[in-house]
Amino acid sequence: MKSLRVILVRHGGTASSRERRVEGSRDVPLSPEARLRAERVASALAAPAPAAVYASPVARARETAEIIAKPHRLSVSEDEAFGALASGEDLGAARARALAGIERLRAAHAGETVVVVSHGVIVRLVVLDALGLPPDRLGAVHATAAGITEIEYGGGWTTVHRMNTLQHLEPAREP
């Protein structure tokens, strides 16, 4: 079986996230700063071009994904598997939902790279699974707004190539 590379990106921030308010599944638009950060993610993911871009149906994730997809002339596929935690949903149910989405991607995109724009908790649950850790270790990993995580799924193995990288968000240095 050919491997699948999944580039997980936490959506850009909003005015509420700057105030550390949980937004859940509410449709809150990206802040202007977050749009710029999403453009930096798009630049960081310019090559090799992804085969597809998926996103949570929540506006801030969808908008981040559209900015990432635009240079590649790709449309964004919304997938509830990568949506925000629903009201009353526990970590186990959210984990199962997200991992079912990953399995669908493995079947549809073997040998390819795809981008998934989701939410902090979902990104962290997918990373924990890739590392063989249970959902109750959620605090052991972090997912910063516009952070990039890269996981490769092979036949019977999973490798985390990078986790919550933020270099693309740093200002360019003068030579």
N, C-alpha and C. Protein backbone atom coordinates (compact mmCIF):
# COMPACT_ATOMS: atom_id res chain seq x y z
N MET A 1 0.85 -1.19 0.00
CA MET A 1 0.00 0.00 0.00
C MET A 1 0.89 1.24 0.00
N LYS A 2 0.57 2.19 -0.88
CA LYS A 2 1.31 3.44 -0.93
C LYS A 2 0.97 4.28 0.29
N SER A 3 1.96 5.05 0.74
CA SER A 3 1.72 5.88 1.93
C SER A 3 0.94 7.14 1.58
N LEU A 4 0.37 7.72 2.60
CA LEU A 4 -0.36 8.98 2.50
C LEU A 4 0.32 9.96 3.44
N ARG A 5 0.60 11.16 2.95
CA ARG A 5 1.10 12.24 3.81
C ARG A 5 -0.07 13.18 4.08
N VAL A 6 -0.31 13.41 5.35
CA VAL A 6 -1.35 14.33 5.77
C VAL A 6 -0.67 15.53 6.42
N ILE A 7 -0.92 16.70 5.87
CA ILE A 7 -0.44 17.94 6.45
C ILE A 7 -1.61 18.52 7.24
N LEU A 8 -1.50 18.48 8.54
CA LEU A 8 -2.55 19.02 9.41
C LEU A 8 -2.20 20.47 9.74
N VAL A 9 -3.18 21.34 9.58
CA VAL A 9 -2.99 22.75 9.90
C VAL A 9 -4.13 23.17 10.81
N ARG A 10 -3.78 23.75 11.94
CA ARG A 10 -4.84 24.33 12.77
C ARG A 10 -5.26 25.64 12.12
N HIS A 11 -6.55 25.86 12.06
CA HIS A 11 -7.07 27.08 11.44
C HIS A 11 -6.42 28.32 12.04
N GLY A 12 -6.49 29.41 11.30
CA GLY A 12 -5.97 30.68 11.80
C GLY A 12 -6.82 31.20 12.95
N GLY A 13 -6.28 32.16 13.66
CA GLY A 13 -6.95 32.70 14.84
C GLY A 13 -8.07 33.66 14.52
N THR A 14 -8.81 33.99 15.55
CA THR A 14 -9.93 34.93 15.45
C THR A 14 -9.79 35.92 16.60
N ALA A 15 -10.65 36.92 16.61
CA ALA A 15 -10.63 37.87 17.72
C ALA A 15 -10.90 37.14 19.04
N SER A 16 -11.80 36.17 19.02
CA SER A 16 -12.14 35.41 20.23
C SER A 16 -10.97 34.57 20.72
N SER A 17 -10.23 33.95 19.78
CA SER A 17 -9.13 33.08 20.20
C SER A 17 -8.00 33.89 20.83
N ARG A 18 -7.86 35.14 20.40
CA ARG A 18 -6.84 36.00 21.02
C ARG A 18 -7.18 36.24 22.49
N GLU A 19 -8.47 36.22 22.79
CA GLU A 19 -8.93 36.41 24.16
C GLU A 19 -9.06 35.09 24.90
N ARG A 20 -8.59 34.00 24.25
CA ARG A 20 -8.61 32.65 24.80
C ARG A 20 -10.02 32.16 25.10
N ARG A 21 -11.00 32.59 24.29
CA ARG A 21 -12.36 32.10 24.41
C ARG A 21 -12.54 30.93 23.47
N VAL A 22 -13.16 29.88 23.96
CA VAL A 22 -13.43 28.70 23.13
C VAL A 22 -14.58 29.01 22.19
N GLU A 23 -14.37 28.72 20.91
CA GLU A 23 -15.40 29.03 19.91
C GLU A 23 -16.22 27.83 19.51
N GLY A 24 -15.66 26.63 19.71
CA GLY A 24 -16.39 25.42 19.35
C GLY A 24 -16.80 25.42 17.90
N SER A 25 -18.06 25.11 17.64
CA SER A 25 -18.53 25.00 16.26
C SER A 25 -19.16 26.30 15.75
N ARG A 26 -19.03 27.39 16.53
CA ARG A 26 -19.58 28.67 16.06
C ARG A 26 -18.78 29.17 14.85
N ASP A 27 -19.47 29.77 13.90
CA ASP A 27 -18.82 30.33 12.72
C ASP A 27 -18.27 31.71 13.04
N VAL A 28 -17.01 31.75 13.39
CA VAL A 28 -16.32 33.00 13.70
C VAL A 28 -15.28 33.21 12.61
N PRO A 29 -15.29 34.38 11.94
CA PRO A 29 -14.34 34.60 10.84
C PRO A 29 -12.91 34.80 11.34
N LEU A 30 -11.98 34.60 10.42
CA LEU A 30 -10.57 34.83 10.72
C LEU A 30 -10.32 36.31 10.96
N SER A 31 -9.35 36.59 11.80
CA SER A 31 -8.91 37.97 11.98
C SER A 31 -8.02 38.34 10.80
N PRO A 32 -7.81 39.64 10.53
CA PRO A 32 -6.90 40.03 9.45
C PRO A 32 -5.49 39.44 9.62
N GLU A 33 -5.00 39.41 10.84
CA GLU A 33 -3.68 38.81 11.10
C GLU A 33 -3.68 37.33 10.75
N ALA A 34 -4.77 36.64 11.05
CA ALA A 34 -4.87 35.21 10.76
C ALA A 34 -4.87 34.95 9.25
N ARG A 35 -5.45 35.84 8.48
CA ARG A 35 -5.42 35.69 7.02
C ARG A 35 -3.97 35.76 6.51
N LEU A 36 -3.20 36.69 7.08
CA LEU A 36 -1.78 36.79 6.70
C LEU A 36 -1.02 35.52 7.10
N ARG A 37 -1.34 34.99 8.27
CA ARG A 37 -0.68 33.75 8.71
C ARG A 37 -1.06 32.59 7.79
N ALA A 38 -2.30 32.55 7.36
CA ALA A 38 -2.74 31.49 6.44
C ALA A 38 -2.01 31.61 5.10
N GLU A 39 -1.75 32.83 4.66
CA GLU A 39 -0.97 33.03 3.44
C GLU A 39 0.46 32.52 3.61
N ARG A 40 1.01 32.68 4.81
CA ARG A 40 2.35 32.15 5.08
C ARG A 40 2.33 30.61 5.09
N VAL A 41 1.26 30.03 5.59
CA VAL A 41 1.12 28.57 5.53
C VAL A 41 1.08 28.14 4.07
N ALA A 42 0.30 28.85 3.27
CA ALA A 42 0.19 28.52 1.84
C ALA A 42 1.56 28.56 1.18
N SER A 43 2.35 29.57 1.49
CA SER A 43 3.71 29.67 0.93
C SER A 43 4.58 28.51 1.39
N ALA A 44 4.47 28.16 2.66
CA ALA A 44 5.27 27.05 3.21
C ALA A 44 4.90 25.71 2.59
N LEU A 45 3.66 25.59 2.13
CA LEU A 45 3.17 24.34 1.54
C LEU A 45 3.10 24.41 0.01
N ALA A 46 3.85 25.35 -0.57
CA ALA A 46 3.80 25.55 -2.03
C ALA A 46 4.30 24.34 -2.82
N ALA A 47 5.31 23.66 -2.33
CA ALA A 47 5.86 22.51 -3.06
C ALA A 47 6.28 21.44 -2.08
N PRO A 48 6.01 20.21 -2.36
CA PRO A 48 5.22 19.76 -3.51
C PRO A 48 3.74 20.09 -3.30
N ALA A 49 3.07 20.30 -4.38
CA ALA A 49 1.66 20.67 -4.33
C ALA A 49 0.83 19.53 -3.75
N PRO A 50 -0.10 19.85 -2.86
CA PRO A 50 -0.99 18.80 -2.35
C PRO A 50 -1.97 18.34 -3.43
N ALA A 51 -2.44 17.12 -3.29
CA ALA A 51 -3.43 16.59 -4.22
C ALA A 51 -4.82 17.10 -3.89
N ALA A 52 -5.05 17.43 -2.61
CA ALA A 52 -6.37 17.87 -2.17
C ALA A 52 -6.24 18.65 -0.88
N VAL A 53 -7.25 19.48 -0.62
CA VAL A 53 -7.33 20.23 0.63
C VAL A 53 -8.70 19.96 1.24
N TYR A 54 -8.69 19.53 2.49
CA TYR A 54 -9.91 19.26 3.25
C TYR A 54 -9.99 20.22 4.42
N ALA A 55 -11.21 20.46 4.90
CA ALA A 55 -11.38 21.36 6.03
C ALA A 55 -12.62 21.01 6.83
N SER A 56 -12.56 21.40 8.07
CA SER A 56 -13.75 21.42 8.91
C SER A 56 -14.75 22.36 8.25
N PRO A 57 -16.04 22.10 8.39
CA PRO A 57 -17.03 23.00 7.79
C PRO A 57 -17.16 24.34 8.52
N VAL A 58 -16.48 24.50 9.65
CA VAL A 58 -16.57 25.75 10.41
C VAL A 58 -15.82 26.85 9.65
N ALA A 59 -16.39 28.04 9.61
CA ALA A 59 -15.92 29.14 8.76
C ALA A 59 -14.43 29.42 8.89
N ARG A 60 -13.89 29.48 10.10
CA ARG A 60 -12.47 29.84 10.26
C ARG A 60 -11.55 28.78 9.66
N ALA A 61 -11.94 27.52 9.72
CA ALA A 61 -11.14 26.46 9.11
C ALA A 61 -11.30 26.48 7.60
N ARG A 62 -12.52 26.63 7.15
CA ARG A 62 -12.79 26.68 5.71
C ARG A 62 -12.05 27.84 5.05
N GLU A 63 -12.07 29.00 5.70
CA GLU A 63 -11.40 30.19 5.15
C GLU A 63 -9.89 29.98 5.10
N THR A 64 -9.32 29.40 6.15
CA THR A 64 -7.89 29.10 6.16
C THR A 64 -7.56 28.13 5.02
N ALA A 65 -8.37 27.10 4.86
CA ALA A 65 -8.14 26.11 3.81
C ALA A 65 -8.23 26.73 2.42
N GLU A 66 -9.17 27.64 2.22
CA GLU A 66 -9.31 28.28 0.91
C GLU A 66 -8.06 29.09 0.56
N ILE A 67 -7.48 29.75 1.55
CA ILE A 67 -6.25 30.51 1.31
C ILE A 67 -5.11 29.56 0.94
N ILE A 68 -5.04 28.41 1.60
CA ILE A 68 -4.00 27.41 1.31
C ILE A 68 -4.21 26.78 -0.06
N ALA A 69 -5.45 26.52 -0.42
CA ALA A 69 -5.77 25.84 -1.68
C ALA A 69 -5.62 26.74 -2.90
N LYS A 70 -5.82 28.03 -2.73
CA LYS A 70 -5.87 28.96 -3.87
C LYS A 70 -4.64 28.90 -4.78
N PRO A 71 -3.39 28.92 -4.28
CA PRO A 71 -2.25 28.89 -5.19
C PRO A 71 -2.17 27.60 -6.02
N HIS A 72 -2.81 26.55 -5.55
CA HIS A 72 -2.79 25.26 -6.26
C HIS A 72 -4.02 25.07 -7.13
N ARG A 73 -4.89 26.06 -7.13
CA ARG A 73 -6.14 26.01 -7.88
C ARG A 73 -6.98 24.79 -7.50
N LEU A 74 -6.98 24.51 -6.21
CA LEU A 74 -7.76 23.39 -5.68
C LEU A 74 -9.01 23.92 -4.99
N SER A 75 -10.06 23.15 -5.02
CA SER A 75 -11.23 23.48 -4.23
C SER A 75 -11.07 22.82 -2.86
N VAL A 76 -11.79 23.31 -1.90
CA VAL A 76 -11.73 22.77 -0.54
C VAL A 76 -12.90 21.82 -0.34
N SER A 77 -12.60 20.63 0.13
CA SER A 77 -13.64 19.65 0.46
C SER A 77 -13.91 19.72 1.95
N GLU A 78 -15.14 20.04 2.32
CA GLU A 78 -15.50 20.06 3.73
C GLU A 78 -15.75 18.65 4.22
N ASP A 79 -15.30 18.37 5.43
CA ASP A 79 -15.49 17.04 6.00
C ASP A 79 -15.77 17.17 7.49
N GLU A 80 -16.95 16.73 7.89
CA GLU A 80 -17.36 16.79 9.31
C GLU A 80 -16.40 16.03 10.22
N ALA A 81 -15.67 15.06 9.67
CA ALA A 81 -14.73 14.29 10.49
C ALA A 81 -13.70 15.20 11.14
N PHE A 82 -13.42 16.32 10.50
CA PHE A 82 -12.40 17.23 11.00
C PHE A 82 -13.00 18.49 11.61
N GLY A 83 -14.31 18.44 11.91
CA GLY A 83 -15.01 19.57 12.50
C GLY A 83 -14.68 19.75 13.97
N ALA A 84 -15.11 20.88 14.49
CA ALA A 84 -14.89 21.21 15.91
C ALA A 84 -15.68 20.24 16.78
N LEU A 85 -15.28 20.16 18.04
CA LEU A 85 -16.03 19.33 18.97
C LEU A 85 -17.47 19.82 19.02
N ALA A 86 -18.39 18.89 18.88
CA ALA A 86 -19.82 19.24 18.98
C ALA A 86 -20.20 19.34 20.44
N SER A 87 -21.25 20.07 20.71
CA SER A 87 -21.71 20.27 22.08
C SER A 87 -21.93 18.91 22.75
N GLY A 88 -21.24 18.69 23.83
CA GLY A 88 -21.38 17.45 24.59
C GLY A 88 -20.57 16.28 24.07
N GLU A 89 -19.84 16.46 22.97
CA GLU A 89 -19.03 15.37 22.41
C GLU A 89 -17.79 15.16 23.27
N ASP A 90 -17.52 13.90 23.61
CA ASP A 90 -16.32 13.63 24.40
C ASP A 90 -15.12 13.37 23.49
N LEU A 91 -13.94 13.33 24.10
CA LEU A 91 -12.71 13.16 23.33
C LEU A 91 -12.67 11.84 22.57
N GLY A 92 -13.22 10.80 23.16
CA GLY A 92 -13.23 9.50 22.49
C GLY A 92 -14.04 9.53 21.20
N ALA A 93 -15.19 10.17 21.25
CA ALA A 93 -16.04 10.28 20.06
C ALA A 93 -15.39 11.17 19.00
N ALA A 94 -14.78 12.27 19.44
CA ALA A 94 -14.10 13.17 18.49
C ALA A 94 -12.92 12.45 17.85
N ARG A 95 -12.18 11.69 18.64
CA ARG A 95 -11.04 10.93 18.13
C ARG A 95 -11.50 9.92 17.08
N ALA A 96 -12.55 9.18 17.40
CA ALA A 96 -13.07 8.17 16.46
C ALA A 96 -13.51 8.82 15.16
N ARG A 97 -14.16 9.96 15.26
CA ARG A 97 -14.63 10.68 14.07
C ARG A 97 -13.45 11.13 13.21
N ALA A 98 -12.44 11.73 13.86
CA ALA A 98 -11.27 12.23 13.11
C ALA A 98 -10.49 11.08 12.47
N LEU A 99 -10.32 9.98 13.20
CA LEU A 99 -9.56 8.85 12.65
C LEU A 99 -10.32 8.17 11.52
N ALA A 100 -11.64 8.16 11.58
CA ALA A 100 -12.43 7.64 10.45
C ALA A 100 -12.19 8.51 9.22
N GLY A 101 -12.07 9.82 9.42
CA GLY A 101 -11.76 10.72 8.31
C GLY A 101 -10.38 10.44 7.74
N ILE A 102 -9.40 10.18 8.59
CA ILE A 102 -8.04 9.85 8.13
C ILE A 102 -8.09 8.56 7.30
N GLU A 103 -8.84 7.56 7.76
CA GLU A 103 -8.94 6.31 7.01
C GLU A 103 -9.56 6.53 5.63
N ARG A 104 -10.56 7.41 5.54
CA ARG A 104 -11.15 7.72 4.23
C ARG A 104 -10.11 8.38 3.32
N LEU A 105 -9.29 9.26 3.90
CA LEU A 105 -8.24 9.90 3.11
C LEU A 105 -7.22 8.87 2.63
N ARG A 106 -6.88 7.92 3.49
CA ARG A 106 -5.92 6.87 3.09
C ARG A 106 -6.45 6.08 1.91
N ALA A 107 -7.73 5.79 1.89
CA ALA A 107 -8.32 5.03 0.79
C ALA A 107 -8.40 5.87 -0.49
N ALA A 108 -8.68 7.15 -0.34
CA ALA A 108 -8.89 8.01 -1.52
C ALA A 108 -7.60 8.61 -2.08
N HIS A 109 -6.56 8.70 -1.26
CA HIS A 109 -5.37 9.45 -1.68
C HIS A 109 -4.06 8.70 -1.46
N ALA A 110 -4.07 7.39 -1.62
CA ALA A 110 -2.83 6.61 -1.45
C ALA A 110 -1.74 7.16 -2.38
N GLY A 111 -0.55 7.34 -1.84
CA GLY A 111 0.57 7.84 -2.61
C GLY A 111 0.58 9.35 -2.80
N GLU A 112 -0.32 10.04 -2.14
CA GLU A 112 -0.44 11.49 -2.32
C GLU A 112 -0.23 12.23 -1.00
N THR A 113 -0.21 13.54 -1.11
CA THR A 113 -0.16 14.43 0.05
C THR A 113 -1.44 15.24 0.06
N VAL A 114 -2.09 15.32 1.21
CA VAL A 114 -3.30 16.13 1.35
C VAL A 114 -3.12 17.07 2.54
N VAL A 115 -3.80 18.19 2.48
CA VAL A 115 -3.82 19.15 3.58
C VAL A 115 -5.18 19.05 4.26
N VAL A 116 -5.17 19.02 5.58
CA VAL A 116 -6.40 19.02 6.37
C VAL A 116 -6.33 20.20 7.33
N VAL A 117 -7.28 21.12 7.21
CA VAL A 117 -7.36 22.27 8.11
C VAL A 117 -8.46 21.97 9.12
N SER A 118 -8.07 21.94 10.39
CA SER A 118 -9.00 21.55 11.43
C SER A 118 -8.81 22.42 12.66
N HIS A 119 -9.20 21.89 13.79
CA HIS A 119 -9.19 22.60 15.07
C HIS A 119 -8.14 22.01 16.00
N GLY A 120 -7.75 22.78 16.98
CA GLY A 120 -6.68 22.37 17.89
C GLY A 120 -6.89 21.00 18.50
N VAL A 121 -8.06 20.74 19.03
CA VAL A 121 -8.31 19.46 19.69
C VAL A 121 -8.22 18.31 18.68
N ILE A 122 -8.77 18.50 17.50
CA ILE A 122 -8.74 17.43 16.48
C ILE A 122 -7.31 17.17 16.05
N VAL A 123 -6.54 18.22 15.78
CA VAL A 123 -5.13 18.04 15.40
C VAL A 123 -4.40 17.28 16.49
N ARG A 124 -4.60 17.67 17.74
CA ARG A 124 -3.91 17.03 18.86
C ARG A 124 -4.32 15.56 19.00
N LEU A 125 -5.60 15.25 18.80
CA LEU A 125 -6.05 13.85 18.89
C LEU A 125 -5.43 12.99 17.80
N VAL A 126 -5.32 13.52 16.59
CA VAL A 126 -4.71 12.78 15.48
C VAL A 126 -3.22 12.55 15.77
N VAL A 127 -2.54 13.56 16.28
CA VAL A 127 -1.12 13.42 16.63
C VAL A 127 -0.95 12.38 17.74
N LEU A 128 -1.77 12.45 18.77
CA LEU A 128 -1.68 11.47 19.86
C LEU A 128 -1.83 10.05 19.32
N ASP A 129 -2.80 9.85 18.42
CA ASP A 129 -2.99 8.53 17.84
C ASP A 129 -1.74 8.09 17.07
N ALA A 130 -1.17 9.01 16.29
CA ALA A 130 0.02 8.68 15.50
C ALA A 130 1.19 8.30 16.41
N LEU A 131 1.24 8.89 17.59
CA LEU A 131 2.30 8.60 18.55
C LEU A 131 1.98 7.41 19.46
N GLY A 132 0.79 6.85 19.29
CA GLY A 132 0.38 5.71 20.11
C GLY A 132 -0.02 6.10 21.52
N LEU A 133 -0.47 7.33 21.70
CA LEU A 133 -0.87 7.81 23.02
C LEU A 133 -2.38 7.96 23.10
N PRO A 134 -2.95 7.76 24.28
CA PRO A 134 -4.41 7.86 24.44
C PRO A 134 -4.88 9.32 24.47
N PRO A 135 -6.18 9.53 24.23
CA PRO A 135 -6.74 10.88 24.22
C PRO A 135 -6.57 11.65 25.53
N ASP A 136 -6.45 10.93 26.64
CA ASP A 136 -6.30 11.64 27.91
C ASP A 136 -4.93 12.33 28.05
N ARG A 137 -4.06 12.14 27.08
CA ARG A 137 -2.76 12.83 27.05
C ARG A 137 -2.82 14.11 26.21
N LEU A 138 -4.02 14.61 25.98
CA LEU A 138 -4.23 15.78 25.14
C LEU A 138 -3.29 16.94 25.48
N GLY A 139 -3.02 17.13 26.75
CA GLY A 139 -2.14 18.21 27.17
C GLY A 139 -0.68 18.00 26.83
N ALA A 140 -0.32 16.83 26.34
CA ALA A 140 1.08 16.53 26.02
C ALA A 140 1.52 17.11 24.68
N VAL A 141 0.58 17.52 23.85
CA VAL A 141 0.92 18.11 22.55
C VAL A 141 0.17 19.43 22.40
N HIS A 142 0.69 20.27 21.53
CA HIS A 142 0.07 21.57 21.31
C HIS A 142 -0.20 21.76 19.83
N ALA A 143 -1.20 22.54 19.52
CA ALA A 143 -1.52 22.88 18.13
C ALA A 143 -1.79 24.38 18.08
N THR A 144 -0.80 25.13 17.64
CA THR A 144 -0.89 26.57 17.54
C THR A 144 -1.67 26.96 16.29
N ALA A 145 -2.38 28.07 16.35
CA ALA A 145 -3.09 28.56 15.16
C ALA A 145 -2.08 28.73 14.02
N ALA A 146 -2.40 28.16 12.87
CA ALA A 146 -1.56 28.18 11.66
C ALA A 146 -0.30 27.33 11.79
N GLY A 147 -0.23 26.49 12.82
CA GLY A 147 0.89 25.56 12.95
C GLY A 147 0.74 24.40 11.97
N ILE A 148 1.86 23.85 11.53
CA ILE A 148 1.87 22.76 10.55
C ILE A 148 2.37 21.48 11.20
N THR A 149 1.60 20.41 11.04
CA THR A 149 1.99 19.07 11.49
C THR A 149 1.92 18.16 10.27
N GLU A 150 2.90 17.28 10.15
CA GLU A 150 2.96 16.37 8.99
C GLU A 150 3.08 14.94 9.47
N ILE A 151 2.13 14.11 9.06
CA ILE A 151 2.10 12.70 9.44
C ILE A 151 2.02 11.86 8.17
N GLU A 152 2.82 10.80 8.12
CA GLU A 152 2.79 9.87 6.99
C GLU A 152 2.22 8.54 7.47
N TYR A 153 1.25 8.04 6.72
CA TYR A 153 0.60 6.77 7.03
C TYR A 153 0.98 5.75 5.97
N GLY A 154 1.65 4.67 6.38
CA GLY A 154 2.03 3.60 5.47
C GLY A 154 1.15 2.38 5.69
N GLY A 155 1.57 1.24 5.15
CA GLY A 155 0.79 0.01 5.27
C GLY A 155 0.49 -0.39 6.70
N GLY A 156 1.48 -0.47 7.53
CA GLY A 156 1.27 -0.84 8.93
C GLY A 156 2.04 0.06 9.88
N TRP A 157 2.34 1.25 9.42
CA TRP A 157 3.15 2.16 10.23
C TRP A 157 2.70 3.60 10.04
N THR A 158 3.08 4.43 11.00
CA THR A 158 2.78 5.86 10.97
C THR A 158 4.02 6.60 11.44
N THR A 159 4.37 7.68 10.77
CA THR A 159 5.52 8.49 11.16
C THR A 159 5.10 9.95 11.26
N VAL A 160 5.44 10.58 12.38
CA VAL A 160 5.23 12.01 12.53
C VAL A 160 6.51 12.69 12.06
N HIS A 161 6.42 13.40 10.94
CA HIS A 161 7.60 14.05 10.37
C HIS A 161 7.86 15.42 10.98
N ARG A 162 6.81 16.14 11.28
CA ARG A 162 6.95 17.42 11.98
C ARG A 162 5.67 17.68 12.76
N MET A 163 5.83 18.42 13.86
CA MET A 163 4.69 18.62 14.74
C MET A 163 4.63 20.09 15.17
N ASN A 164 3.54 20.75 14.83
CA ASN A 164 3.29 22.12 15.23
C ASN A 164 4.44 23.06 14.86
N THR A 165 4.98 22.91 13.66
CA THR A 165 6.06 23.80 13.24
C THR A 165 5.52 25.20 12.98
N LEU A 166 6.34 26.18 13.33
CA LEU A 166 5.91 27.57 13.25
C LEU A 166 6.90 28.46 12.52
N GLN A 167 7.96 27.89 11.96
CA GLN A 167 8.99 28.69 11.30
C GLN A 167 8.43 29.58 10.21
N HIS A 168 7.42 29.10 9.51
CA HIS A 168 6.83 29.86 8.41
C HIS A 168 6.15 31.14 8.90
N LEU A 169 5.89 31.25 10.20
CA LEU A 169 5.21 32.40 10.74
C LEU A 169 6.17 33.49 11.21
N GLU A 170 7.45 33.14 11.30
CA GLU A 170 8.47 34.11 11.74
C GLU A 170 8.77 35.09 10.62
N PRO A 171 9.02 36.35 10.97
CA PRO A 171 9.36 37.31 9.92
C PRO A 171 10.68 36.95 9.24
N ALA A 172 10.76 37.27 7.97
CA ALA A 172 11.98 36.99 7.21
C ALA A 172 13.14 37.78 7.80
N ARG A 173 14.30 37.14 7.87
CA ARG A 173 15.49 37.81 8.40
C ARG A 173 16.25 38.50 7.29
N GLU A 174 16.83 39.61 7.63
CA GLU A 174 17.66 40.34 6.66
C GLU A 174 18.95 39.56 6.44
N PRO A 175 19.45 39.50 5.17
CA PRO A 175 20.71 38.78 4.92
C PRO A 175 21.91 39.52 5.46
